[in-house]
Structures are given as structure tokens and as C-alpha cells.
Amino acid sequence: MVEKLLISGCKGQLGTELSNLLKGKYNVVGTERENLDITDRDEVARFIRDIRPSVVINAAAYNNVDRAESEEAFAFLVNSKGPENLAIACEEVGAKFVHISSDYVFDGKKSSPYVEEDDTNPLNVYGMSKVEAERLVSAACSRHFLLRTAWLYGAHGNNFLKTMLSLSEQKSEIKVVDDQVGTPTYSLDLAMAIEHLISTDDYGLYHVTNSGQCSWNGFAREIFSIAEKDIDVIPIRTQQTGRDALRPSYSVLQNRRLERDHGYYMRSWQDALKEFLSTYL
């Protein structure tokens, strides 16, 4: 009998990628807020109890980093209490639970890639809500996978790459921040790593990004180079953007546990980007 797998936030960037990848391998049940409000503990408990999935993947999140500064209570409700509700329900039915966290749990003061054991110290409300989710999920569900990822892009939903391609149709020069360094991560590569991990019982915290690093400016330049677009990418500093939320200047993650314990290596962000753009453009 095919195992039942629930994806919360099934129509978002990662949720859509997971649904496409896992359908046929699992009996995939997808939910959005219209049919499952993860912030309602009783509703979540009833839903999980009724369908009894073997695996639950939470790809639902409040992702507006700047707006979270003025909507702190709502950001914590969706990003912290929602995952806790799912984790509690998973523990009750014996399901594995996957929750997606973020590089923004760190303050960016380190000069080498962050490993899973490094202390968290978020600079913004969004990051704080993600740290709180990690704490709540790990306490509520013994079969949990917490995956920190970064700078996600893909064919679905809104992301930096699609914004850059859209702007390139309107402008000959674009200003992009050059003093934040991280790792662009292809949503399909993250989805494939999740597929691998849920086939195991090696629970806990993982860093999962493509390998290597760049600034947002460097990412934009690589996008336009591969797409063969003649765009002048002007470097600017974060403070020039006037954003509400502080962001870490360095948030590169090392996939130490994934590599050490699973022999699972993520390809470079450049190789992933080339493959994505070859199919997307």
C-alpha cells in the first residue's frame, strides 16, 4: 500500500515542487489555508487524525521578512504555532514531520559557513519566529526533520530570480545589494533532499542548500550571464535599500550533517542555476 504524505502549503514555491516530485511515489494530500488552517490546533489535530499520514511536510510559512516587523504576532502565529500544531498532531499518529527553517536564524557575524551546532541569534522578527518554531517542533515531535535552507528559487511562486528576469525586460540597469552573502538554492534540489531524508529515520536538524556562496549582486549577474541578457548590475549597500528588517551580512550554511551522516552532497548553486534556466527560459 502506498504511504500517505501530507504537504501543508502545497501551492507555494516548495510545496508545488514537492507535490510534483512525490506524486506517484506517495499518496500525496495537499492543503492550503482554505482547507487546513495550521494555526488552529484542534482543526489540525482532527485533520491529521482523520487522514493518518505517514509523513507531513510543512511548506507553509509567513515569508514577508519586512512586513513581519510590524505584524509580529501574526508572523509568530503562522511560523511558530502552526508548525507546533502540526508537530503535536504528528506525534499523536506516529508520523514523520518535516519543517522548513531559514538561514535568517543567524546574525551573520561569522566568517565561515554556519553548521547545525552554531548558536542562533536572529536579527529580525521573521528569524525569531523561525527559531521559536525549531524549539517548539523539536519538543513536540520525536520524528522531526528540521531543515534550514536559504535564498530559495524555482519555477513556482515569487522569488528573487523571477523578479530579476522581470526587471530585465523593463530596465538596462538594476541596483542589487552586494554586502549580503549566502547561497541560492534551487527548490527542486531541496525537494530531492527532503525525499531522501524522509526515507530514513535519522531525525533532527539539517542544513540543506546548494553549495558555494555569492552576494545577491553576484547571483543577479550569474542569472543575466546564463540568460544572455545585457544588464548593468550596480552594487549597492543594504542600508541604501531602506528595508524595515535587518538581514545577516553572511548566512552561508554548511550541509555538514547531510554530507557526514548520509554521504549526500548538494551540487553547486551555479550548476543548479544553469539547469533551472535551461528549462525555464
C-alpha atoms as a PDB file:
ATOM      1  CA  MET A   1       0.000   0.000   0.000  1.00  0.00           C
ATOM      2  CA  VAL A   2       1.341   3.474  -0.955  1.00  0.00           C
ATOM      3  CA  GLU A   3       2.144   5.642   2.051  1.00  0.00           C
ATOM      4  CA  LYS A   4       0.080   8.781   2.569  1.00  0.00           C
ATOM      5  CA  LEU A   5       2.012  12.055   2.644  1.00  0.00           C
ATOM      6  CA  LEU A   6       0.585  15.458   3.575  1.00  0.00           C
ATOM      7  CA  ILE A   7       2.039  18.714   2.227  1.00  0.00           C
ATOM      8  CA  SER A   8       0.896  21.867   4.004  1.00  0.00           C
ATOM      9  CA  GLY A   9       1.302  24.885   1.743  1.00  0.00           C
ATOM     10  CA  CYS A  10       1.073  22.662  -1.330  1.00  0.00           C
ATOM     11  CA  LYS A  11       0.645  25.500  -3.846  1.00  0.00           C
ATOM     12  CA  GLY A  12       3.653  27.564  -2.797  1.00  0.00           C
ATOM     13  CA  GLN A  13       7.127  27.505  -4.292  1.00  0.00           C
ATOM     14  CA  LEU A  14       8.446  24.476  -2.397  1.00  0.00           C
ATOM     15  CA  GLY A  15       5.047  22.834  -1.907  1.00  0.00           C
ATOM     16  CA  THR A  16       4.411  22.681  -5.650  1.00  0.00           C
ATOM     17  CA  GLU A  17       7.906  21.289  -6.252  1.00  0.00           C
ATOM     18  CA  LEU A  18       7.353  18.596  -3.615  1.00  0.00           C
ATOM     19  CA  SER A  19       3.909  17.709  -4.965  1.00  0.00           C
ATOM     20  CA  ASN A  20       5.270  17.234  -8.485  1.00  0.00           C
ATOM     21  CA  LEU A  21       8.260  15.221  -7.285  1.00  0.00           C
ATOM     22  CA  LEU A  22       6.461  12.925  -4.847  1.00  0.00           C
ATOM     23  CA  LYS A  23       3.160  12.178  -6.566  1.00  0.00           C
ATOM     24  CA  GLY A  24       3.175   8.603  -7.745  1.00  0.00           C
ATOM     25  CA  LYS A  25       5.695   7.657  -5.056  1.00  0.00           C
ATOM     26  CA  TYR A  26       3.322   8.591  -2.247  1.00  0.00           C
ATOM     27  CA  ASN A  27      -0.394   9.164  -1.945  1.00  0.00           C
ATOM     28  CA  VAL A  28       0.036  12.951  -1.727  1.00  0.00           C
ATOM     29  CA  VAL A  29      -2.562  15.047   0.076  1.00  0.00           C
ATOM     30  CA  GLY A  30      -2.060  18.780  -0.390  1.00  0.00           C
ATOM     31  CA  THR A  31      -3.514  21.512   1.795  1.00  0.00           C
ATOM     32  CA  GLU A  32      -3.675  25.296   1.759  1.00  0.00           C
ATOM     33  CA  ARG A  33      -5.198  27.644   4.306  1.00  0.00           C
ATOM     34  CA  GLU A  34      -8.661  27.232   2.711  1.00  0.00           C
ATOM     35  CA  ASN A  35      -8.862  23.569   3.740  1.00  0.00           C
ATOM     36  CA  LEU A  36      -6.442  23.436   6.694  1.00  0.00           C
ATOM     37  CA  ASP A  37      -5.655  26.375   8.970  1.00  0.00           C
ATOM     38  CA  ILE A  38      -2.429  25.244  10.638  1.00  0.00           C
ATOM     39  CA  THR A  39      -2.829  27.937  13.322  1.00  0.00           C
ATOM     40  CA  ASP A  40      -5.964  26.150  14.637  1.00  0.00           C
ATOM     41  CA  ARG A  41      -4.684  23.337  16.877  1.00  0.00           C
ATOM     42  CA  ASP A  42      -7.995  21.491  17.138  1.00  0.00           C
ATOM     43  CA  GLU A  43      -8.576  21.618  13.389  1.00  0.00           C
ATOM     44  CA  VAL A  44      -5.053  20.333  12.701  1.00  0.00           C
ATOM     45  CA  ALA A  45      -5.444  17.506  15.208  1.00  0.00           C
ATOM     46  CA  ARG A  46      -8.746  16.393  13.644  1.00  0.00           C
ATOM     47  CA  PHE A  47      -7.398  16.599  10.098  1.00  0.00           C
ATOM     48  CA  ILE A  48      -4.234  14.594  10.825  1.00  0.00           C
ATOM     49  CA  ARG A  49      -6.199  12.055  12.862  1.00  0.00           C
ATOM     50  CA  ASP A  50      -8.655  11.554  10.016  1.00  0.00           C
ATOM     51  CA  ILE A  51      -6.187  11.045   7.165  1.00  0.00           C
ATOM     52  CA  ARG A  52      -3.378   9.439   9.251  1.00  0.00           C
ATOM     53  CA  PRO A  53      -0.397  10.288   7.009  1.00  0.00           C
ATOM     54  CA  SER A  54       2.978   8.596   7.390  1.00  0.00           C
ATOM     55  CA  VAL A  55       4.762  11.868   6.623  1.00  0.00           C
ATOM     56  CA  VAL A  56       3.777  15.530   6.980  1.00  0.00           C
ATOM     57  CA  ILE A  57       5.826  18.249   5.264  1.00  0.00           C
ATOM     58  CA  ASN A  58       5.142  21.829   6.293  1.00  0.00           C
ATOM     59  CA  ALA A  59       5.924  24.152   3.386  1.00  0.00           C
ATOM     60  CA  ALA A  60       3.501  26.837   4.619  1.00  0.00           C
ATOM     61  CA  ALA A  61       5.040  29.997   6.059  1.00  0.00           C
ATOM     62  CA  TYR A  62       4.780  33.739   6.534  1.00  0.00           C
ATOM     63  CA  ASN A  63       7.688  34.824   4.334  1.00  0.00           C
ATOM     64  CA  ASN A  64       7.401  38.622   4.123  1.00  0.00           C
ATOM     65  CA  VAL A  65      10.543  39.465   6.103  1.00  0.00           C
ATOM     66  CA  ASP A  66       9.965  43.226   6.159  1.00  0.00           C
ATOM     67  CA  ARG A  67       6.248  43.194   6.921  1.00  0.00           C
ATOM     68  CA  ALA A  68       6.873  40.779   9.802  1.00  0.00           C
ATOM     69  CA  GLU A  69       8.445  43.681  11.690  1.00  0.00           C
ATOM     70  CA  SER A  70       5.010  45.303  12.005  1.00  0.00           C
ATOM     71  CA  GLU A  71       2.988  42.038  12.039  1.00  0.00           C
ATOM     72  CA  GLU A  72       4.974  40.200  14.692  1.00  0.00           C
ATOM     73  CA  ALA A  73       2.043  38.409  16.324  1.00  0.00           C
ATOM     74  CA  PHE A  74       0.767  37.056  13.006  1.00  0.00           C
ATOM     75  CA  ALA A  75       4.265  36.028  11.876  1.00  0.00           C
ATOM     76  CA  PHE A  76       4.747  34.027  15.080  1.00  0.00           C
ATOM     77  CA  LEU A  77       1.264  32.514  14.793  1.00  0.00           C
ATOM     78  CA  VAL A  78       1.935  31.157  11.288  1.00  0.00           C
ATOM     79  CA  ASN A  79       5.668  30.433  11.559  1.00  0.00           C
ATOM     80  CA  SER A  80       5.839  29.102  15.132  1.00  0.00           C
ATOM     81  CA  LYS A  81       2.467  27.973  16.473  1.00  0.00           C
ATOM     82  CA  GLY A  82       1.375  26.497  13.134  1.00  0.00           C
ATOM     83  CA  PRO A  83       4.375  24.157  12.923  1.00  0.00           C
ATOM     84  CA  GLU A  84       3.953  23.252  16.600  1.00  0.00           C
ATOM     85  CA  ASN A  85       0.327  22.281  15.971  1.00  0.00           C
ATOM     86  CA  LEU A  86       1.365  20.028  13.090  1.00  0.00           C
ATOM     87  CA  ALA A  87       4.204  18.528  15.152  1.00  0.00           C
ATOM     88  CA  ILE A  88       1.881  17.690  18.057  1.00  0.00           C
ATOM     89  CA  ALA A  89      -0.590  16.025  15.684  1.00  0.00           C
ATOM     90  CA  CYS A  90       2.220  14.058  14.004  1.00  0.00           C
ATOM     91  CA  GLU A  91       3.419  12.779  17.363  1.00  0.00           C
ATOM     92  CA  GLU A  92      -0.085  11.575  18.147  1.00  0.00           C
ATOM     93  CA  VAL A  93      -0.403   9.475  14.972  1.00  0.00           C
ATOM     94  CA  GLY A  94       3.276   8.430  14.733  1.00  0.00           C
ATOM     95  CA  ALA A  95       4.003  10.400  11.561  1.00  0.00           C
ATOM     96  CA  LYS A  96       7.326  11.861  10.481  1.00  0.00           C
ATOM     97  CA  PHE A  97       7.301  15.663  10.380  1.00  0.00           C
ATOM     98  CA  VAL A  98       9.398  17.891   8.116  1.00  0.00           C
ATOM     99  CA  HIS A  99       9.599  21.612   8.833  1.00  0.00           C
ATOM    100  CA  ILE A 100      11.476  24.204   6.785  1.00  0.00           C
ATOM    101  CA  SER A 101      13.566  26.768   8.637  1.00  0.00           C
ATOM    102  CA  SER A 102      15.894  29.518   7.448  1.00  0.00           C
ATOM    103  CA  ASP A 103      19.411  30.922   7.300  1.00  0.00           C
ATOM    104  CA  TYR A 104      17.925  34.034   8.937  1.00  0.00           C
ATOM    105  CA  VAL A 105      18.149  32.294  12.332  1.00  0.00           C
ATOM    106  CA  PHE A 106      21.779  33.542  12.354  1.00  0.00           C
ATOM    107  CA  ASP A 107      23.146  37.063  12.851  1.00  0.00           C
ATOM    108  CA  GLY A 108      25.747  36.928  10.065  1.00  0.00           C
ATOM    109  CA  LYS A 109      28.725  37.735  12.283  1.00  0.00           C
ATOM    110  CA  LYS A 110      30.542  34.505  11.462  1.00  0.00           C
ATOM    111  CA  SER A 111      33.092  34.486   8.612  1.00  0.00           C
ATOM    112  CA  SER A 112      32.832  30.789   7.733  1.00  0.00           C
ATOM    113  CA  PRO A 113      29.771  28.698   6.871  1.00  0.00           C
ATOM    114  CA  TYR A 114      27.334  28.042   9.707  1.00  0.00           C
ATOM    115  CA  VAL A 115      26.965  24.446  10.906  1.00  0.00           C
ATOM    116  CA  GLU A 116      23.973  22.921  12.656  1.00  0.00           C
ATOM    117  CA  GLU A 117      25.550  23.287  16.112  1.00  0.00           C
ATOM    118  CA  ASP A 118      26.175  27.046  15.857  1.00  0.00           C
ATOM    119  CA  ASP A 119      24.181  29.295  18.184  1.00  0.00           C
ATOM    120  CA  THR A 120      21.234  31.114  16.660  1.00  0.00           C
ATOM    121  CA  ASN A 121      20.845  34.877  17.058  1.00  0.00           C
ATOM    122  CA  PRO A 122      18.290  36.266  14.588  1.00  0.00           C
ATOM    123  CA  LEU A 123      18.299  39.946  13.644  1.00  0.00           C
ATOM    124  CA  ASN A 124      14.634  40.249  12.658  1.00  0.00           C
ATOM    125  CA  VAL A 125      11.148  39.108  13.655  1.00  0.00           C
ATOM    126  CA  TYR A 126      10.978  36.587  10.809  1.00  0.00           C
ATOM    127  CA  GLY A 127      14.187  34.919  12.019  1.00  0.00           C
ATOM    128  CA  MET A 128      12.927  34.954  15.607  1.00  0.00           C
ATOM    129  CA  SER A 129       9.734  33.193  14.547  1.00  0.00           C
ATOM    130  CA  LYS A 130      11.805  30.535  12.775  1.00  0.00           C
ATOM    131  CA  VAL A 131      13.994  29.940  15.850  1.00  0.00           C
ATOM    132  CA  GLU A 132      10.889  29.603  18.003  1.00  0.00           C
ATOM    133  CA  ALA A 133       9.451  27.076  15.524  1.00  0.00           C
ATOM    134  CA  GLU A 134      12.614  24.983  15.741  1.00  0.00           C
ATOM    135  CA  ARG A 135      12.323  24.905  19.532  1.00  0.00           C
ATOM    136  CA  LEU A 136       8.618  24.049  19.550  1.00  0.00           C
ATOM    137  CA  VAL A 137       8.803  21.384  16.830  1.00  0.00           C
ATOM    138  CA  SER A 138      11.777  19.587  18.360  1.00  0.00           C
ATOM    139  CA  ALA A 139       9.976  19.485  21.724  1.00  0.00           C
ATOM    140  CA  ALA A 140       6.639  18.318  20.292  1.00  0.00           C
ATOM    141  CA  CYS A 141       7.565  15.590  17.801  1.00  0.00           C
ATOM    142  CA  SER A 142      10.175  12.873  18.224  1.00  0.00           C
ATOM    143  CA  ARG A 143      10.197  12.069  14.491  1.00  0.00           C
ATOM    144  CA  HIS A 144      11.074  15.529  13.233  1.00  0.00           C
ATOM    145  CA  PHE A 145      13.309  16.798  10.452  1.00  0.00           C
ATOM    146  CA  LEU A 146      14.185  20.492  10.742  1.00  0.00           C
ATOM    147  CA  LEU A 147      15.708  21.776   7.502  1.00  0.00           C
ATOM    148  CA  ARG A 148      17.358  25.182   7.310  1.00  0.00           C
ATOM    149  CA  THR A 149      17.654  26.433   3.759  1.00  0.00           C
ATOM    150  CA  ALA A 150      18.355  29.757   2.038  1.00  0.00           C
ATOM    151  CA  TRP A 151      17.684  32.027  -0.932  1.00  0.00           C
ATOM    152  CA  LEU A 152      15.163  29.645  -2.493  1.00  0.00           C
ATOM    153  CA  TYR A 153      14.133  29.979  -6.129  1.00  0.00           C
ATOM    154  CA  GLY A 154      12.277  27.878  -8.686  1.00  0.00           C
ATOM    155  CA  ALA A 155       9.515  27.927 -11.275  1.00  0.00           C
ATOM    156  CA  HIS A 156       6.684  28.410  -8.790  1.00  0.00           C
ATOM    157  CA  GLY A 157       5.738  31.318  -6.556  1.00  0.00           C
ATOM    158  CA  ASN A 158       7.617  34.579  -6.193  1.00  0.00           C
ATOM    159  CA  ASN A 159      11.378  34.744  -5.780  1.00  0.00           C
ATOM    160  CA  PHE A 160      14.449  36.889  -6.448  1.00  0.00           C
ATOM    161  CA  LEU A 161      15.331  35.169  -9.720  1.00  0.00           C
ATOM    162  CA  LYS A 162      11.906  35.751 -11.265  1.00  0.00           C
ATOM    163  CA  THR A 163      11.996  39.364 -10.079  1.00  0.00           C
ATOM    164  CA  MET A 164      15.364  39.894 -11.766  1.00  0.00           C
ATOM    165  CA  LEU A 165      14.171  38.373 -15.049  1.00  0.00           C
ATOM    166  CA  SER A 166      11.051  40.533 -14.954  1.00  0.00           C
ATOM    167  CA  LEU A 167      13.060  43.713 -14.276  1.00  0.00           C
ATOM    168  CA  SER A 168      15.448  42.856 -17.108  1.00  0.00           C
ATOM    169  CA  GLU A 169      12.558  43.210 -19.538  1.00  0.00           C
ATOM    170  CA  GLN A 170      11.997  46.785 -18.365  1.00  0.00           C
ATOM    171  CA  LYS A 171      15.440  48.160 -17.479  1.00  0.00           C
ATOM    172  CA  SER A 172      19.009  48.232 -18.778  1.00  0.00           C
ATOM    173  CA  GLU A 173      20.493  48.635 -15.294  1.00  0.00           C
ATOM    174  CA  ILE A 174      19.450  47.229 -11.939  1.00  0.00           C
ATOM    175  CA  LYS A 175      20.744  48.042  -8.446  1.00  0.00           C
ATOM    176  CA  VAL A 176      21.336  44.948  -6.326  1.00  0.00           C
ATOM    177  CA  VAL A 177      22.746  44.552  -2.805  1.00  0.00           C
ATOM    178  CA  ASP A 178      26.361  43.394  -2.722  1.00  0.00           C
ATOM    179  CA  ASP A 179      27.017  43.183   1.046  1.00  0.00           C
ATOM    180  CA  GLN A 180      24.814  40.174   1.896  1.00  0.00           C
ATOM    181  CA  VAL A 181      26.378  36.780   1.191  1.00  0.00           C
ATOM    182  CA  GLY A 182      24.543  33.472   1.107  1.00  0.00           C
ATOM    183  CA  THR A 183      23.694  30.539  -1.157  1.00  0.00           C
ATOM    184  CA  PRO A 184      20.981  30.472  -3.832  1.00  0.00           C
ATOM    185  CA  THR A 185      19.111  27.164  -3.566  1.00  0.00           C
ATOM    186  CA  TYR A 186      17.036  25.526  -6.302  1.00  0.00           C
ATOM    187  CA  SER A 187      13.690  24.369  -4.891  1.00  0.00           C
ATOM    188  CA  LEU A 188      13.916  21.065  -6.794  1.00  0.00           C
ATOM    189  CA  ASP A 189      17.266  20.256  -5.161  1.00  0.00           C
ATOM    190  CA  LEU A 190      15.767  20.966  -1.730  1.00  0.00           C
ATOM    191  CA  ALA A 191      12.739  18.797  -2.556  1.00  0.00           C
ATOM    192  CA  MET A 192      15.009  15.913  -3.605  1.00  0.00           C
ATOM    193  CA  ALA A 193      16.960  16.178  -0.341  1.00  0.00           C
ATOM    194  CA  ILE A 194      13.673  16.056   1.567  1.00  0.00           C
ATOM    195  CA  GLU A 195      12.672  12.938  -0.383  1.00  0.00           C
ATOM    196  CA  HIS A 196      15.946  11.322   0.678  1.00  0.00           C
ATOM    197  CA  LEU A 197      15.633  12.267   4.345  1.00  0.00           C
ATOM    198  CA  ILE A 198      12.037  11.067   4.787  1.00  0.00           C
ATOM    199  CA  SER A 199      13.149   7.635   3.565  1.00  0.00           C
ATOM    200  CA  THR A 200      15.313   7.441   6.713  1.00  0.00           C
ATOM    201  CA  ASP A 201      14.772   7.586  10.468  1.00  0.00           C
ATOM    202  CA  ASP A 202      17.745   9.885  11.026  1.00  0.00           C
ATOM    203  CA  TYR A 203      15.787  12.705  12.612  1.00  0.00           C
ATOM    204  CA  GLY A 204      16.927  16.127  13.739  1.00  0.00           C
ATOM    205  CA  LEU A 205      18.350  19.365  12.377  1.00  0.00           C
ATOM    206  CA  TYR A 206      19.932  19.702   8.917  1.00  0.00           C
ATOM    207  CA  HIS A 207      21.332  22.467   6.773  1.00  0.00           C
ATOM    208  CA  VAL A 208      20.243  21.980   3.146  1.00  0.00           C
ATOM    209  CA  THR A 209      21.340  24.433   0.464  1.00  0.00           C
ATOM    210  CA  ASN A 210      23.201  24.208  -2.797  1.00  0.00           C
ATOM    211  CA  SER A 211      26.967  24.549  -2.284  1.00  0.00           C
ATOM    212  CA  GLY A 212      29.116  27.638  -2.677  1.00  0.00           C
ATOM    213  CA  GLN A 213      28.308  31.267  -1.955  1.00  0.00           C
ATOM    214  CA  CYS A 214      27.725  34.665  -3.546  1.00  0.00           C
ATOM    215  CA  SER A 215      26.148  38.039  -2.877  1.00  0.00           C
ATOM    216  CA  TRP A 216      22.704  38.959  -4.188  1.00  0.00           C
ATOM    217  CA  ASN A 217      24.554  41.087  -6.726  1.00  0.00           C
ATOM    218  CA  GLY A 218      26.658  38.114  -7.800  1.00  0.00           C
ATOM    219  CA  PHE A 219      23.536  35.972  -8.060  1.00  0.00           C
ATOM    220  CA  ALA A 220      21.897  38.550 -10.328  1.00  0.00           C
ATOM    221  CA  ARG A 221      24.993  38.760 -12.514  1.00  0.00           C
ATOM    222  CA  GLU A 222      25.058  34.983 -12.947  1.00  0.00           C
ATOM    223  CA  ILE A 223      21.355  34.918 -13.825  1.00  0.00           C
ATOM    224  CA  PHE A 224      21.846  37.519 -16.557  1.00  0.00           C
ATOM    225  CA  SER A 225      25.025  35.875 -17.823  1.00  0.00           C
ATOM    226  CA  ILE A 226      23.339  32.496 -18.281  1.00  0.00           C
ATOM    227  CA  ALA A 227      20.203  34.115 -19.702  1.00  0.00           C
ATOM    228  CA  GLU A 228      22.409  36.147 -22.090  1.00  0.00           C
ATOM    229  CA  LYS A 229      20.890  39.454 -21.020  1.00  0.00           C
ATOM    230  CA  ASP A 230      22.976  42.616 -21.271  1.00  0.00           C
ATOM    231  CA  ILE A 231      22.089  44.241 -17.955  1.00  0.00           C
ATOM    232  CA  ASP A 232      24.311  46.552 -15.903  1.00  0.00           C
ATOM    233  CA  VAL A 233      24.098  45.234 -12.309  1.00  0.00           C
ATOM    234  CA  ILE A 234      25.067  48.073  -9.985  1.00  0.00           C
ATOM    235  CA  PRO A 235      26.285  47.107  -6.487  1.00  0.00           C
ATOM    236  CA  ILE A 236      24.678  48.903  -3.545  1.00  0.00           C
ATOM    237  CA  ARG A 237      24.837  48.504   0.228  1.00  0.00           C
ATOM    238  CA  THR A 238      21.988  47.121   2.317  1.00  0.00           C
ATOM    239  CA  GLN A 239      21.437  50.437   4.099  1.00  0.00           C
ATOM    240  CA  GLN A 240      20.620  52.049   0.748  1.00  0.00           C
ATOM    241  CA  THR A 241      17.563  49.823   0.288  1.00  0.00           C
ATOM    242  CA  GLY A 242      15.594  51.303   3.200  1.00  0.00           C
ATOM    243  CA  ARG A 243      14.194  47.897   4.172  1.00  0.00           C
ATOM    244  CA  ASP A 244      12.413  47.578   7.533  1.00  0.00           C
ATOM    245  CA  ALA A 245      14.077  44.347   8.664  1.00  0.00           C
ATOM    246  CA  LEU A 246      17.769  43.851   9.367  1.00  0.00           C
ATOM    247  CA  ARG A 247      19.384  40.997   7.455  1.00  0.00           C
ATOM    248  CA  PRO A 248      22.535  38.974   8.167  1.00  0.00           C
ATOM    249  CA  SER A 249      25.518  40.077   6.069  1.00  0.00           C
ATOM    250  CA  TYR A 250      26.752  36.458   5.923  1.00  0.00           C
ATOM    251  CA  SER A 251      24.391  33.489   6.138  1.00  0.00           C
ATOM    252  CA  VAL A 252      26.128  30.685   4.237  1.00  0.00           C
ATOM    253  CA  LEU A 253      25.141  27.258   5.574  1.00  0.00           C
ATOM    254  CA  GLN A 254      27.345  24.165   5.558  1.00  0.00           C
ATOM    255  CA  ASN A 255      25.441  20.932   4.917  1.00  0.00           C
ATOM    256  CA  ARG A 256      27.663  19.155   7.412  1.00  0.00           C
ATOM    257  CA  ARG A 257      25.257  16.587   8.769  1.00  0.00           C
ATOM    258  CA  LEU A 258      23.766  15.750   5.370  1.00  0.00           C
ATOM    259  CA  GLU A 259      27.249  15.092   3.983  1.00  0.00           C
ATOM    260  CA  ARG A 260      28.776  13.420   7.045  1.00  0.00           C
ATOM    261  CA  ASP A 261      25.877  11.149   8.041  1.00  0.00           C
ATOM    262  CA  HIS A 262      24.272  10.485   4.659  1.00  0.00           C
ATOM    263  CA  GLY A 263      27.019  10.965   2.077  1.00  0.00           C
ATOM    264  CA  TYR A 264      24.541  13.299   0.366  1.00  0.00           C
ATOM    265  CA  TYR A 265      26.144  16.223  -1.444  1.00  0.00           C
ATOM    266  CA  MET A 266      24.257  19.164  -2.935  1.00  0.00           C
ATOM    267  CA  ARG A 267      25.559  20.475  -6.252  1.00  0.00           C
ATOM    268  CA  SER A 268      26.937  23.984  -6.685  1.00  0.00           C
ATOM    269  CA  TRP A 269      24.485  26.858  -6.919  1.00  0.00           C
ATOM    270  CA  GLN A 270      25.909  27.726 -10.340  1.00  0.00           C
ATOM    271  CA  ASP A 271      25.247  24.233 -11.757  1.00  0.00           C
ATOM    272  CA  ALA A 272      21.744  24.200 -10.308  1.00  0.00           C
ATOM    273  CA  LEU A 273      21.024  27.640 -11.741  1.00  0.00           C
ATOM    274  CA  LYS A 274      22.213  26.612 -15.212  1.00  0.00           C
ATOM    275  CA  GLU A 275      19.937  23.582 -15.215  1.00  0.00           C
ATOM    276  CA  PHE A 276      16.961  25.552 -13.961  1.00  0.00           C
ATOM    277  CA  LEU A 277      17.327  28.345 -16.503  1.00  0.00           C
ATOM    278  CA  SER A 278      17.815  25.848 -19.354  1.00  0.00           C
ATOM    279  CA  THR A 279      14.300  24.562 -18.701  1.00  0.00           C
ATOM    280  CA  TYR A 280      12.657  27.766 -17.502  1.00  0.00           C
ATOM    281  CA  LEU A 281      13.629  30.237 -20.197  1.00  0.00           C
END
